[in-house]
Structure formats: structure tokens, C-alpha cells
Amino acid sequence: IMFLDLQLRFFPEITFLNVGQGDAILIS
């Protein structure tokens, strides 16, 4: 379900991943 949800998205996203004291930014 999660995989299909991602496949049906057709817009750019920026996600700031919660990695604690640090940075990890995922851009789709």
C-alpha cells in the first residue's frame, strides 16, 4: 500500500527525515 501510494504521487516533495541531532533531507 505504501509503495502504491508513492507511485501515485506526481508532485515534488521535500521531507526532513527525523534522524535526531543531524540532517537528512529527502527530495523527490
mmCIF file of all heavy atoms, coordinates in Angstrom:
data_MODEL
# 
_entry.id   MODEL 
# 
loop_
_atom_site.group_PDB 
_atom_site.id 
_atom_site.type_symbol 
_atom_site.label_atom_id 
_atom_site.label_alt_id 
_atom_site.label_comp_id 
_atom_site.label_asym_id 
_atom_site.label_entity_id 
_atom_site.label_seq_id 
_atom_site.pdbx_PDB_ins_code 
_atom_site.Cartn_x 
_atom_site.Cartn_y 
_atom_site.Cartn_z 
_atom_site.occupancy 
_atom_site.B_iso_or_equiv 
_atom_site.pdbx_formal_charge 
_atom_site.auth_seq_id 
_atom_site.auth_comp_id 
_atom_site.auth_asym_id 
_atom_site.auth_atom_id 
_atom_site.pdbx_PDB_model_num 
ATOM 1   N N   . ILE A 1 1  ? 0.842  -1.195 0.000   1.00 0.00 ? 1  ILE A N   1 
ATOM 2   C CA  . ILE A 1 1  ? 0.000  0.000  0.000   1.00 0.00 ? 1  ILE A CA  1 
ATOM 3   C C   . ILE A 1 1  ? 0.882  1.251  0.000   1.00 0.00 ? 1  ILE A C   1 
ATOM 4   O O   . ILE A 1 1  ? 0.633  2.217  -0.741  1.00 0.00 ? 1  ILE A O   1 
ATOM 5   C CB  . ILE A 1 1  ? -0.942 0.017  1.222   1.00 0.00 ? 1  ILE A CB  1 
ATOM 6   C CG1 . ILE A 1 1  ? -2.006 -1.092 1.083   1.00 0.00 ? 1  ILE A CG1 1 
ATOM 7   C CG2 . ILE A 1 1  ? -1.604 1.372  1.378   1.00 0.00 ? 1  ILE A CG2 1 
ATOM 8   C CD1 . ILE A 1 1  ? -2.947 -0.902 -0.090  1.00 0.00 ? 1  ILE A CD1 1 
ATOM 9   N N   . MET A 1 2  ? 1.915  1.240  0.823   1.00 0.00 ? 2  MET A N   1 
ATOM 10  C CA  . MET A 1 2  ? 2.833  2.376  0.867   1.00 0.00 ? 2  MET A CA  1 
ATOM 11  C C   . MET A 1 2  ? 3.516  2.565  -0.486  1.00 0.00 ? 2  MET A C   1 
ATOM 12  O O   . MET A 1 2  ? 3.678  3.697  -0.964  1.00 0.00 ? 2  MET A O   1 
ATOM 13  C CB  . MET A 1 2  ? 3.879  2.168  1.962   1.00 0.00 ? 2  MET A CB  1 
ATOM 14  C CG  . MET A 1 2  ? 3.322  2.248  3.369   1.00 0.00 ? 2  MET A CG  1 
ATOM 15  S SD  . MET A 1 2  ? 4.490  1.626  4.602   1.00 0.00 ? 2  MET A SD  1 
ATOM 16  C CE  . MET A 1 2  ? 5.865  2.722  4.325   1.00 0.00 ? 2  MET A CE  1 
ATOM 17  N N   . PHE A 1 3  ? 3.919  1.464  -1.101  1.00 0.00 ? 3  PHE A N   1 
ATOM 18  C CA  . PHE A 1 3  ? 4.591  1.532  -2.393  1.00 0.00 ? 3  PHE A CA  1 
ATOM 19  C C   . PHE A 1 3  ? 3.660  2.123  -3.450  1.00 0.00 ? 3  PHE A C   1 
ATOM 20  O O   . PHE A 1 3  ? 4.048  3.007  -4.221  1.00 0.00 ? 3  PHE A O   1 
ATOM 21  C CB  . PHE A 1 3  ? 5.043  0.133  -2.803  1.00 0.00 ? 3  PHE A CB  1 
ATOM 22  C CG  . PHE A 1 3  ? 5.671  0.073  -4.162  1.00 0.00 ? 3  PHE A CG  1 
ATOM 23  C CD1 . PHE A 1 3  ? 6.949  0.552  -4.371  1.00 0.00 ? 3  PHE A CD1 1 
ATOM 24  C CD2 . PHE A 1 3  ? 4.983  -0.471 -5.240  1.00 0.00 ? 3  PHE A CD2 1 
ATOM 25  C CE1 . PHE A 1 3  ? 7.537  0.500  -5.628  1.00 0.00 ? 3  PHE A CE1 1 
ATOM 26  C CE2 . PHE A 1 3  ? 5.549  -0.528 -6.488  1.00 0.00 ? 3  PHE A CE2 1 
ATOM 27  C CZ  . PHE A 1 3  ? 6.833  -0.046 -6.687  1.00 0.00 ? 3  PHE A CZ  1 
ATOM 28  N N   . LEU A 1 4  ? 2.411  1.655  -3.486  1.00 0.00 ? 4  LEU A N   1 
ATOM 29  C CA  . LEU A 1 4  ? 1.452  2.158  -4.464  1.00 0.00 ? 4  LEU A CA  1 
ATOM 30  C C   . LEU A 1 4  ? 1.142  3.625  -4.229  1.00 0.00 ? 4  LEU A C   1 
ATOM 31  O O   . LEU A 1 4  ? 0.979  4.403  -5.176  1.00 0.00 ? 4  LEU A O   1 
ATOM 32  C CB  . LEU A 1 4  ? 0.163  1.323  -4.404  1.00 0.00 ? 4  LEU A CB  1 
ATOM 33  C CG  . LEU A 1 4  ? 0.299  -0.117 -4.911  1.00 0.00 ? 4  LEU A CG  1 
ATOM 34  C CD1 . LEU A 1 4  ? -0.978 -0.902 -4.638  1.00 0.00 ? 4  LEU A CD1 1 
ATOM 35  C CD2 . LEU A 1 4  ? 0.615  -0.133 -6.412  1.00 0.00 ? 4  LEU A CD2 1 
ATOM 36  N N   . ASP A 1 5  ? 1.063  4.018  -2.954  1.00 0.00 ? 5  ASP A N   1 
ATOM 37  C CA  . ASP A 1 5  ? 0.816  5.425  -2.625  1.00 0.00 ? 5  ASP A CA  1 
ATOM 38  C C   . ASP A 1 5  ? 1.928  6.309  -3.183  1.00 0.00 ? 5  ASP A C   1 
ATOM 39  O O   . ASP A 1 5  ? 1.667  7.369  -3.769  1.00 0.00 ? 5  ASP A O   1 
ATOM 40  C CB  . ASP A 1 5  ? 0.728  5.593  -1.112  1.00 0.00 ? 5  ASP A CB  1 
ATOM 41  C CG  . ASP A 1 5  ? 0.561  7.054  -0.704  1.00 0.00 ? 5  ASP A CG  1 
ATOM 42  O OD1 . ASP A 1 5  ? -0.435 7.669  -1.118  1.00 0.00 ? 5  ASP A OD1 1 
ATOM 43  O OD2 . ASP A 1 5  ? 1.433  7.574  0.020   1.00 0.00 ? 5  ASP A OD2 1 
ATOM 44  N N   . LEU A 1 6  ? 3.165  5.872  -3.025  1.00 0.00 ? 6  LEU A N   1 
ATOM 45  C CA  . LEU A 1 6  ? 4.295  6.641  -3.551  1.00 0.00 ? 6  LEU A CA  1 
ATOM 46  C C   . LEU A 1 6  ? 4.252  6.709  -5.075  1.00 0.00 ? 6  LEU A C   1 
ATOM 47  O O   . LEU A 1 6  ? 4.563  7.737  -5.676  1.00 0.00 ? 6  LEU A O   1 
ATOM 48  C CB  . LEU A 1 6  ? 5.613  6.027  -3.087  1.00 0.00 ? 6  LEU A CB  1 
ATOM 49  C CG  . LEU A 1 6  ? 5.959  6.205  -1.610  1.00 0.00 ? 6  LEU A CG  1 
ATOM 50  C CD1 . LEU A 1 6  ? 7.146  5.330  -1.238  1.00 0.00 ? 6  LEU A CD1 1 
ATOM 51  C CD2 . LEU A 1 6  ? 6.259  7.662  -1.288  1.00 0.00 ? 6  LEU A CD2 1 
ATOM 52  N N   . GLN A 1 7  ? 3.858  5.600  -5.709  1.00 0.00 ? 7  GLN A N   1 
ATOM 53  C CA  . GLN A 1 7  ? 3.831  5.576  -7.169  1.00 0.00 ? 7  GLN A CA  1 
ATOM 54  C C   . GLN A 1 7  ? 2.755  6.478  -7.748  1.00 0.00 ? 7  GLN A C   1 
ATOM 55  O O   . GLN A 1 7  ? 2.852  6.931  -8.887  1.00 0.00 ? 7  GLN A O   1 
ATOM 56  C CB  . GLN A 1 7  ? 3.611  4.131  -7.652  1.00 0.00 ? 7  GLN A CB  1 
ATOM 57  C CG  . GLN A 1 7  ? 4.753  3.187  -7.317  1.00 0.00 ? 7  GLN A CG  1 
ATOM 58  C CD  . GLN A 1 7  ? 6.083  3.698  -7.801  1.00 0.00 ? 7  GLN A CD  1 
ATOM 59  O OE1 . GLN A 1 7  ? 6.260  3.975  -8.974  1.00 0.00 ? 7  GLN A OE1 1 
ATOM 60  N NE2 . GLN A 1 7  ? 7.032  3.856  -6.884  1.00 0.00 ? 7  GLN A NE2 1 
ATOM 61  N N   . LEU A 1 8  ? 1.713  6.758  -6.970  1.00 0.00 ? 8  LEU A N   1 
ATOM 62  C CA  . LEU A 1 8  ? 0.615  7.574  -7.464  1.00 0.00 ? 8  LEU A CA  1 
ATOM 63  C C   . LEU A 1 8  ? 0.837  9.066  -7.233  1.00 0.00 ? 8  LEU A C   1 
ATOM 64  O O   . LEU A 1 8  ? 0.002  9.877  -7.608  1.00 0.00 ? 8  LEU A O   1 
ATOM 65  C CB  . LEU A 1 8  ? -0.694 7.130  -6.791  1.00 0.00 ? 8  LEU A CB  1 
ATOM 66  C CG  . LEU A 1 8  ? -1.189 5.741  -7.207  1.00 0.00 ? 8  LEU A CG  1 
ATOM 67  C CD1 . LEU A 1 8  ? -2.379 5.322  -6.355  1.00 0.00 ? 8  LEU A CD1 1 
ATOM 68  C CD2 . LEU A 1 8  ? -1.563 5.714  -8.685  1.00 0.00 ? 8  LEU A CD2 1 
ATOM 69  N N   . ARG A 1 9  ? 1.940  9.431  -6.619  1.00 0.00 ? 9  ARG A N   1 
ATOM 70  C CA  . ARG A 1 9  ? 2.233  10.841 -6.386  1.00 0.00 ? 9  ARG A CA  1 
ATOM 71  C C   . ARG A 1 9  ? 2.953  11.425 -7.600  1.00 0.00 ? 9  ARG A C   1 
ATOM 72  O O   . ARG A 1 9  ? 3.897  10.848 -8.104  1.00 0.00 ? 9  ARG A O   1 
ATOM 73  C CB  . ARG A 1 9  ? 3.094  11.002 -5.127  1.00 0.00 ? 9  ARG A CB  1 
ATOM 74  C CG  . ARG A 1 9  ? 2.396  10.522 -3.873  1.00 0.00 ? 9  ARG A CG  1 
ATOM 75  C CD  . ARG A 1 9  ? 3.269  10.764 -2.654  1.00 0.00 ? 9  ARG A CD  1 
ATOM 76  N NE  . ARG A 1 9  ? 2.675  10.159 -1.458  1.00 0.00 ? 9  ARG A NE  1 
ATOM 77  C CZ  . ARG A 1 9  ? 3.199  10.255 -0.250  1.00 0.00 ? 9  ARG A CZ  1 
ATOM 78  N NH1 . ARG A 1 9  ? 4.329  10.922 -0.070  1.00 0.00 ? 9  ARG A NH1 1 
ATOM 79  N NH2 . ARG A 1 9  ? 2.618  9.681  0.782   1.00 0.00 ? 9  ARG A NH2 1 
ATOM 80  N N   . PHE A 1 10 ? 2.486  12.577 -8.046  1.00 0.00 ? 10 PHE A N   1 
ATOM 81  C CA  . PHE A 1 10 ? 3.061  13.192 -9.233  1.00 0.00 ? 10 PHE A CA  1 
ATOM 82  C C   . PHE A 1 10 ? 3.473  14.627 -8.952  1.00 0.00 ? 10 PHE A C   1 
ATOM 83  O O   . PHE A 1 10 ? 3.319  15.494 -9.788  1.00 0.00 ? 10 PHE A O   1 
ATOM 84  C CB  . PHE A 1 10 ? 2.056  13.145 -10.389 1.00 0.00 ? 10 PHE A CB  1 
ATOM 85  C CG  . PHE A 1 10 ? 1.741  11.753 -10.853 1.00 0.00 ? 10 PHE A CG  1 
ATOM 86  C CD1 . PHE A 1 10 ? 0.599  11.119 -10.411 1.00 0.00 ? 10 PHE A CD1 1 
ATOM 87  C CD2 . PHE A 1 10 ? 2.589  11.077 -11.716 1.00 0.00 ? 10 PHE A CD2 1 
ATOM 88  C CE1 . PHE A 1 10 ? 0.298  9.833  -10.839 1.00 0.00 ? 10 PHE A CE1 1 
ATOM 89  C CE2 . PHE A 1 10 ? 2.306  9.794  -12.129 1.00 0.00 ? 10 PHE A CE2 1 
ATOM 90  C CZ  . PHE A 1 10 ? 1.153  9.166  -11.690 1.00 0.00 ? 10 PHE A CZ  1 
ATOM 91  N N   . PHE A 1 11 ? 3.987  14.882 -7.786  1.00 0.00 ? 11 PHE A N   1 
ATOM 92  C CA  . PHE A 1 11 ? 4.422  16.224 -7.448  1.00 0.00 ? 11 PHE A CA  1 
ATOM 93  C C   . PHE A 1 11 ? 5.705  16.136 -6.637  1.00 0.00 ? 11 PHE A C   1 
ATOM 94  O O   . PHE A 1 11 ? 5.988  15.117 -6.017  1.00 0.00 ? 11 PHE A O   1 
ATOM 95  C CB  . PHE A 1 11 ? 3.335  16.965 -6.651  1.00 0.00 ? 11 PHE A CB  1 
ATOM 96  C CG  . PHE A 1 11 ? 2.749  16.183 -5.524  1.00 0.00 ? 11 PHE A CG  1 
ATOM 97  C CD1 . PHE A 1 11 ? 3.354  16.158 -4.277  1.00 0.00 ? 11 PHE A CD1 1 
ATOM 98  C CD2 . PHE A 1 11 ? 1.581  15.450 -5.705  1.00 0.00 ? 11 PHE A CD2 1 
ATOM 99  C CE1 . PHE A 1 11 ? 2.809  15.423 -3.238  1.00 0.00 ? 11 PHE A CE1 1 
ATOM 100 C CE2 . PHE A 1 11 ? 1.040  14.718 -4.667  1.00 0.00 ? 11 PHE A CE2 1 
ATOM 101 C CZ  . PHE A 1 11 ? 1.651  14.705 -3.423  1.00 0.00 ? 11 PHE A CZ  1 
ATOM 102 N N   . PRO A 1 12 ? 6.506  17.188 -6.656  1.00 0.00 ? 12 PRO A N   1 
ATOM 103 C CA  . PRO A 1 12 ? 7.769  17.164 -5.916  1.00 0.00 ? 12 PRO A CA  1 
ATOM 104 C C   . PRO A 1 12 ? 7.536  17.297 -4.421  1.00 0.00 ? 12 PRO A C   1 
ATOM 105 O O   . PRO A 1 12 ? 6.581  17.945 -3.983  1.00 0.00 ? 12 PRO A O   1 
ATOM 106 C CB  . PRO A 1 12 ? 8.519  18.390 -6.461  1.00 0.00 ? 12 PRO A CB  1 
ATOM 107 C CG  . PRO A 1 12 ? 7.426  19.321 -6.878  1.00 0.00 ? 12 PRO A CG  1 
ATOM 108 C CD  . PRO A 1 12 ? 6.317  18.447 -7.385  1.00 0.00 ? 12 PRO A CD  1 
ATOM 109 N N   . GLU A 1 13 ? 8.410  16.680 -3.653  1.00 0.00 ? 13 GLU A N   1 
ATOM 110 C CA  . GLU A 1 13 ? 8.290  16.741 -2.192  1.00 0.00 ? 13 GLU A CA  1 
ATOM 111 C C   . GLU A 1 13 ? 9.664  16.928 -1.560  1.00 0.00 ? 13 GLU A C   1 
ATOM 112 O O   . GLU A 1 13 ? 10.669 16.438 -2.081  1.00 0.00 ? 13 GLU A O   1 
ATOM 113 C CB  . GLU A 1 13 ? 7.677  15.453 -1.638  1.00 0.00 ? 13 GLU A CB  1 
ATOM 114 C CG  . GLU A 1 13 ? 6.211  15.268 -1.941  1.00 0.00 ? 13 GLU A CG  1 
ATOM 115 C CD  . GLU A 1 13 ? 5.654  14.032 -1.247  1.00 0.00 ? 13 GLU A CD  1 
ATOM 116 O OE1 . GLU A 1 13 ? 6.358  13.021 -1.161  1.00 0.00 ? 13 GLU A OE1 1 
ATOM 117 O OE2 . GLU A 1 13 ? 4.499  14.099 -0.815  1.00 0.00 ? 13 GLU A OE2 1 
ATOM 118 N N   . ILE A 1 14 ? 9.672  17.615 -0.429  1.00 0.00 ? 14 ILE A N   1 
ATOM 119 C CA  . ILE A 1 14 ? 10.857 17.683 0.421   1.00 0.00 ? 14 ILE A CA  1 
ATOM 120 C C   . ILE A 1 14 ? 10.470 17.116 1.778   1.00 0.00 ? 14 ILE A C   1 
ATOM 121 O O   . ILE A 1 14 ? 9.505  17.566 2.388   1.00 0.00 ? 14 ILE A O   1 
ATOM 122 C CB  . ILE A 1 14 ? 11.367 19.120 0.589   1.00 0.00 ? 14 ILE A CB  1 
ATOM 123 C CG1 . ILE A 1 14 ? 11.791 19.705 -0.755  1.00 0.00 ? 14 ILE A CG1 1 
ATOM 124 C CG2 . ILE A 1 14 ? 12.539 19.169 1.559   1.00 0.00 ? 14 ILE A CG2 1 
ATOM 125 C CD1 . ILE A 1 14 ? 12.289 21.130 -0.660  1.00 0.00 ? 14 ILE A CD1 1 
ATOM 126 N N   . THR A 1 15 ? 11.214 16.128 2.240   1.00 0.00 ? 15 THR A N   1 
ATOM 127 C CA  . THR A 1 15 ? 10.947 15.505 3.531   1.00 0.00 ? 15 THR A CA  1 
ATOM 128 C C   . THR A 1 15 ? 12.180 15.640 4.409   1.00 0.00 ? 15 THR A C   1 
ATOM 129 O O   . THR A 1 15 ? 13.278 15.234 4.018   1.00 0.00 ? 15 THR A O   1 
ATOM 130 C CB  . THR A 1 15 ? 10.608 14.008 3.357   1.00 0.00 ? 15 THR A CB  1 
ATOM 131 O OG1 . THR A 1 15 ? 9.507  13.880 2.461   1.00 0.00 ? 15 THR A OG1 1 
ATOM 132 C CG2 . THR A 1 15 ? 10.237 13.386 4.699   1.00 0.00 ? 15 THR A CG2 1 
ATOM 133 N N   . PHE A 1 16 ? 11.988 16.224 5.595   1.00 0.00 ? 16 PHE A N   1 
ATOM 134 C CA  . PHE A 1 16 ? 13.072 16.311 6.563   1.00 0.00 ? 16 PHE A CA  1 
ATOM 135 C C   . PHE A 1 16 ? 12.976 15.091 7.472   1.00 0.00 ? 16 PHE A C   1 
ATOM 136 O O   . PHE A 1 16 ? 12.072 15.001 8.314   1.00 0.00 ? 16 PHE A O   1 
ATOM 137 C CB  . PHE A 1 16 ? 12.969 17.628 7.354   1.00 0.00 ? 16 PHE A CB  1 
ATOM 138 C CG  . PHE A 1 16 ? 13.207 18.838 6.505   1.00 0.00 ? 16 PHE A CG  1 
ATOM 139 C CD1 . PHE A 1 16 ? 12.179 19.412 5.770   1.00 0.00 ? 16 PHE A CD1 1 
ATOM 140 C CD2 . PHE A 1 16 ? 14.474 19.394 6.409   1.00 0.00 ? 16 PHE A CD2 1 
ATOM 141 C CE1 . PHE A 1 16 ? 12.392 20.517 4.965   1.00 0.00 ? 16 PHE A CE1 1 
ATOM 142 C CE2 . PHE A 1 16 ? 14.707 20.505 5.610   1.00 0.00 ? 16 PHE A CE2 1 
ATOM 143 C CZ  . PHE A 1 16 ? 13.664 21.069 4.890   1.00 0.00 ? 16 PHE A CZ  1 
ATOM 144 N N   . LEU A 1 17 ? 13.862 14.146 7.265   1.00 0.00 ? 17 LEU A N   1 
ATOM 145 C CA  . LEU A 1 17 ? 13.797 12.876 7.979   1.00 0.00 ? 17 LEU A CA  1 
ATOM 146 C C   . LEU A 1 17 ? 14.252 13.057 9.426   1.00 0.00 ? 17 LEU A C   1 
ATOM 147 O O   . LEU A 1 17 ? 15.234 13.759 9.702   1.00 0.00 ? 17 LEU A O   1 
ATOM 148 C CB  . LEU A 1 17 ? 14.674 11.838 7.279   1.00 0.00 ? 17 LEU A CB  1 
ATOM 149 C CG  . LEU A 1 17 ? 14.294 11.529 5.822   1.00 0.00 ? 17 LEU A CG  1 
ATOM 150 C CD1 . LEU A 1 17 ? 15.310 10.594 5.196   1.00 0.00 ? 17 LEU A CD1 1 
ATOM 151 C CD2 . LEU A 1 17 ? 12.897 10.948 5.730   1.00 0.00 ? 17 LEU A CD2 1 
ATOM 152 N N   . ASN A 1 18 ? 13.556 12.411 10.327  1.00 0.00 ? 18 ASN A N   1 
ATOM 153 C CA  . ASN A 1 18 ? 13.844 12.540 11.758  1.00 0.00 ? 18 ASN A CA  1 
ATOM 154 C C   . ASN A 1 18 ? 14.970 11.590 12.152  1.00 0.00 ? 18 ASN A C   1 
ATOM 155 O O   . ASN A 1 18 ? 14.740 10.457 12.553  1.00 0.00 ? 18 ASN A O   1 
ATOM 156 C CB  . ASN A 1 18 ? 12.585 12.251 12.577  1.00 0.00 ? 18 ASN A CB  1 
ATOM 157 C CG  . ASN A 1 18 ? 12.807 12.479 14.061  1.00 0.00 ? 18 ASN A CG  1 
ATOM 158 O OD1 . ASN A 1 18 ? 13.859 12.957 14.476  1.00 0.00 ? 18 ASN A OD1 1 
ATOM 159 N ND2 . ASN A 1 18 ? 11.814 12.150 14.850  1.00 0.00 ? 18 ASN A ND2 1 
ATOM 160 N N   . VAL A 1 19 ? 16.196 12.103 12.024  1.00 0.00 ? 19 VAL A N   1 
ATOM 161 C CA  . VAL A 1 19 ? 17.371 11.294 12.351  1.00 0.00 ? 19 VAL A CA  1 
ATOM 162 C C   . VAL A 1 19 ? 18.017 11.746 13.658  1.00 0.00 ? 19 VAL A C   1 
ATOM 163 O O   . VAL A 1 19 ? 19.155 11.380 13.952  1.00 0.00 ? 19 VAL A O   1 
ATOM 164 C CB  . VAL A 1 19 ? 18.414 11.347 11.215  1.00 0.00 ? 19 VAL A CB  1 
ATOM 165 C CG1 . VAL A 1 19 ? 17.889 10.649 9.976   1.00 0.00 ? 19 VAL A CG1 1 
ATOM 166 C CG2 . VAL A 1 19 ? 18.817 12.784 10.901  1.00 0.00 ? 19 VAL A CG2 1 
ATOM 167 N N   . GLY A 1 20 ? 17.291 12.532 14.447  1.00 0.00 ? 20 GLY A N   1 
ATOM 168 C CA  . GLY A 1 20 ? 17.851 13.015 15.708  1.00 0.00 ? 20 GLY A CA  1 
ATOM 169 C C   . GLY A 1 20 ? 18.707 14.248 15.466  1.00 0.00 ? 20 GLY A C   1 
ATOM 170 O O   . GLY A 1 20 ? 18.402 15.082 14.631  1.00 0.00 ? 20 GLY A O   1 
ATOM 171 N N   . GLN A 1 21 ? 19.811 14.352 16.213  1.00 0.00 ? 21 GLN A N   1 
ATOM 172 C CA  . GLN A 1 21 ? 20.696 15.522 16.102  1.00 0.00 ? 21 GLN A CA  1 
ATOM 173 C C   . GLN A 1 21 ? 21.534 15.401 14.842  1.00 0.00 ? 21 GLN A C   1 
ATOM 174 O O   . GLN A 1 21 ? 22.649 14.884 14.852  1.00 0.00 ? 21 GLN A O   1 
ATOM 175 C CB  . GLN A 1 21 ? 21.593 15.631 17.341  1.00 0.00 ? 21 GLN A CB  1 
ATOM 176 C CG  . GLN A 1 21 ? 22.528 16.832 17.342  1.00 0.00 ? 21 GLN A CG  1 
ATOM 177 C CD  . GLN A 1 21 ? 21.810 18.146 17.488  1.00 0.00 ? 21 GLN A CD  1 
ATOM 178 O OE1 . GLN A 1 21 ? 20.654 18.190 17.907  1.00 0.00 ? 21 GLN A OE1 1 
ATOM 179 N NE2 . GLN A 1 21 ? 22.463 19.230 17.133  1.00 0.00 ? 21 GLN A NE2 1 
ATOM 180 N N   . GLY A 1 22 ? 20.998 15.867 13.746  1.00 0.00 ? 22 GLY A N   1 
ATOM 181 C CA  . GLY A 1 22 ? 21.678 15.768 12.467  1.00 0.00 ? 22 GLY A CA  1 
ATOM 182 C C   . GLY A 1 22 ? 20.723 16.117 11.353  1.00 0.00 ? 22 GLY A C   1 
ATOM 183 O O   . GLY A 1 22 ? 19.551 16.412 11.594  1.00 0.00 ? 22 GLY A O   1 
ATOM 184 N N   . ASP A 1 23 ? 21.220 16.086 10.124  1.00 0.00 ? 23 ASP A N   1 
ATOM 185 C CA  . ASP A 1 23 ? 20.400 16.430 8.957   1.00 0.00 ? 23 ASP A CA  1 
ATOM 186 C C   . ASP A 1 23 ? 20.296 15.246 8.007   1.00 0.00 ? 23 ASP A C   1 
ATOM 187 O O   . ASP A 1 23 ? 21.276 14.521 7.789   1.00 0.00 ? 23 ASP A O   1 
ATOM 188 C CB  . ASP A 1 23 ? 21.033 17.588 8.180   1.00 0.00 ? 23 ASP A CB  1 
ATOM 189 C CG  . ASP A 1 23 ? 20.750 18.949 8.796   1.00 0.00 ? 23 ASP A CG  1 
ATOM 190 O OD1 . ASP A 1 23 ? 20.085 19.000 9.846   1.00 0.00 ? 23 ASP A OD1 1 
ATOM 191 O OD2 . ASP A 1 23 ? 21.206 19.955 8.218   1.00 0.00 ? 23 ASP A OD2 1 
ATOM 192 N N   . ALA A 1 24 ? 19.117 15.067 7.439   1.00 0.00 ? 24 ALA A N   1 
ATOM 193 C CA  . ALA A 1 24 ? 18.897 14.141 6.333   1.00 0.00 ? 24 ALA A CA  1 
ATOM 194 C C   . ALA A 1 24 ? 17.641 14.625 5.621   1.00 0.00 ? 24 ALA A C   1 
ATOM 195 O O   . ALA A 1 24 ? 16.550 14.605 6.194   1.00 0.00 ? 24 ALA A O   1 
ATOM 196 C CB  . ALA A 1 24 ? 18.723 12.699 6.817   1.00 0.00 ? 24 ALA A CB  1 
ATOM 197 N N   . ILE A 1 25 ? 17.816 15.095 4.383   1.00 0.00 ? 25 ILE A N   1 
ATOM 198 C CA  . ILE A 1 25 ? 16.725 15.732 3.647   1.00 0.00 ? 25 ILE A CA  1 
ATOM 199 C C   . ILE A 1 25 ? 16.503 14.940 2.368   1.00 0.00 ? 25 ILE A C   1 
ATOM 200 O O   . ILE A 1 25 ? 17.409 14.827 1.528   1.00 0.00 ? 25 ILE A O   1 
ATOM 201 C CB  . ILE A 1 25 ? 17.076 17.196 3.333   1.00 0.00 ? 25 ILE A CB  1 
ATOM 202 C CG1 . ILE A 1 25 ? 17.370 17.967 4.629   1.00 0.00 ? 25 ILE A CG1 1 
ATOM 203 C CG2 . ILE A 1 25 ? 15.948 17.869 2.552   1.00 0.00 ? 25 ILE A CG2 1 
ATOM 204 C CD1 . ILE A 1 25 ? 18.058 19.295 4.414   1.00 0.00 ? 25 ILE A CD1 1 
ATOM 205 N N   . LEU A 1 26 ? 15.302 14.406 2.208   1.00 0.00 ? 26 LEU A N   1 
ATOM 206 C CA  . LEU A 1 26 ? 14.969 13.580 1.047   1.00 0.00 ? 26 LEU A CA  1 
ATOM 207 C C   . LEU A 1 26 ? 14.082 14.393 0.108   1.00 0.00 ? 26 LEU A C   1 
ATOM 208 O O   . LEU A 1 26 ? 13.049 14.923 0.512   1.00 0.00 ? 26 LEU A O   1 
ATOM 209 C CB  . LEU A 1 26 ? 14.248 12.308 1.488   1.00 0.00 ? 26 LEU A CB  1 
ATOM 210 C CG  . LEU A 1 26 ? 13.970 11.278 0.395   1.00 0.00 ? 26 LEU A CG  1 
ATOM 211 C CD1 . LEU A 1 26 ? 15.269 10.699 -0.152  1.00 0.00 ? 26 LEU A CD1 1 
ATOM 212 C CD2 . LEU A 1 26 ? 13.078 10.153 0.935   1.00 0.00 ? 26 LEU A CD2 1 
ATOM 213 N N   . ILE A 1 27 ? 14.497 14.475 -1.144  1.00 0.00 ? 27 ILE A N   1 
ATOM 214 C CA  . ILE A 1 27 ? 13.774 15.263 -2.146  1.00 0.00 ? 27 ILE A CA  1 
ATOM 215 C C   . ILE A 1 27 ? 13.332 14.333 -3.263  1.00 0.00 ? 27 ILE A C   1 
ATOM 216 O O   . ILE A 1 27 ? 14.140 13.582 -3.818  1.00 0.00 ? 27 ILE A O   1 
ATOM 217 C CB  . ILE A 1 27 ? 14.668 16.387 -2.691  1.00 0.00 ? 27 ILE A CB  1 
ATOM 218 C CG1 . ILE A 1 27 ? 15.016 17.361 -1.546  1.00 0.00 ? 27 ILE A CG1 1 
ATOM 219 C CG2 . ILE A 1 27 ? 13.996 17.118 -3.842  1.00 0.00 ? 27 ILE A CG2 1 
ATOM 220 C CD1 . ILE A 1 27 ? 15.966 18.466 -1.947  1.00 0.00 ? 27 ILE A CD1 1 
ATOM 221 N N   . SER A 1 28 ? 12.042 14.376 -3.572  1.00 0.00 ? 28 SER A N   1 
ATOM 222 C CA  . SER A 1 28 ? 11.506 13.513 -4.627  1.00 0.00 ? 28 SER A CA  1 
ATOM 223 C C   . SER A 1 28 ? 11.082 14.346 -5.824  1.00 0.00 ? 28 SER A C   1 
ATOM 224 O O   . SER A 1 28 ? 10.786 15.538 -5.713  1.00 0.00 ? 28 SER A O   1 
ATOM 225 C CB  . SER A 1 28 ? 10.309 12.705 -4.110  1.00 0.00 ? 28 SER A CB  1 
ATOM 226 O OG  . SER A 1 28 ? 9.215  13.559 -3.824  1.00 0.00 ? 28 SER A OG  1 
# 
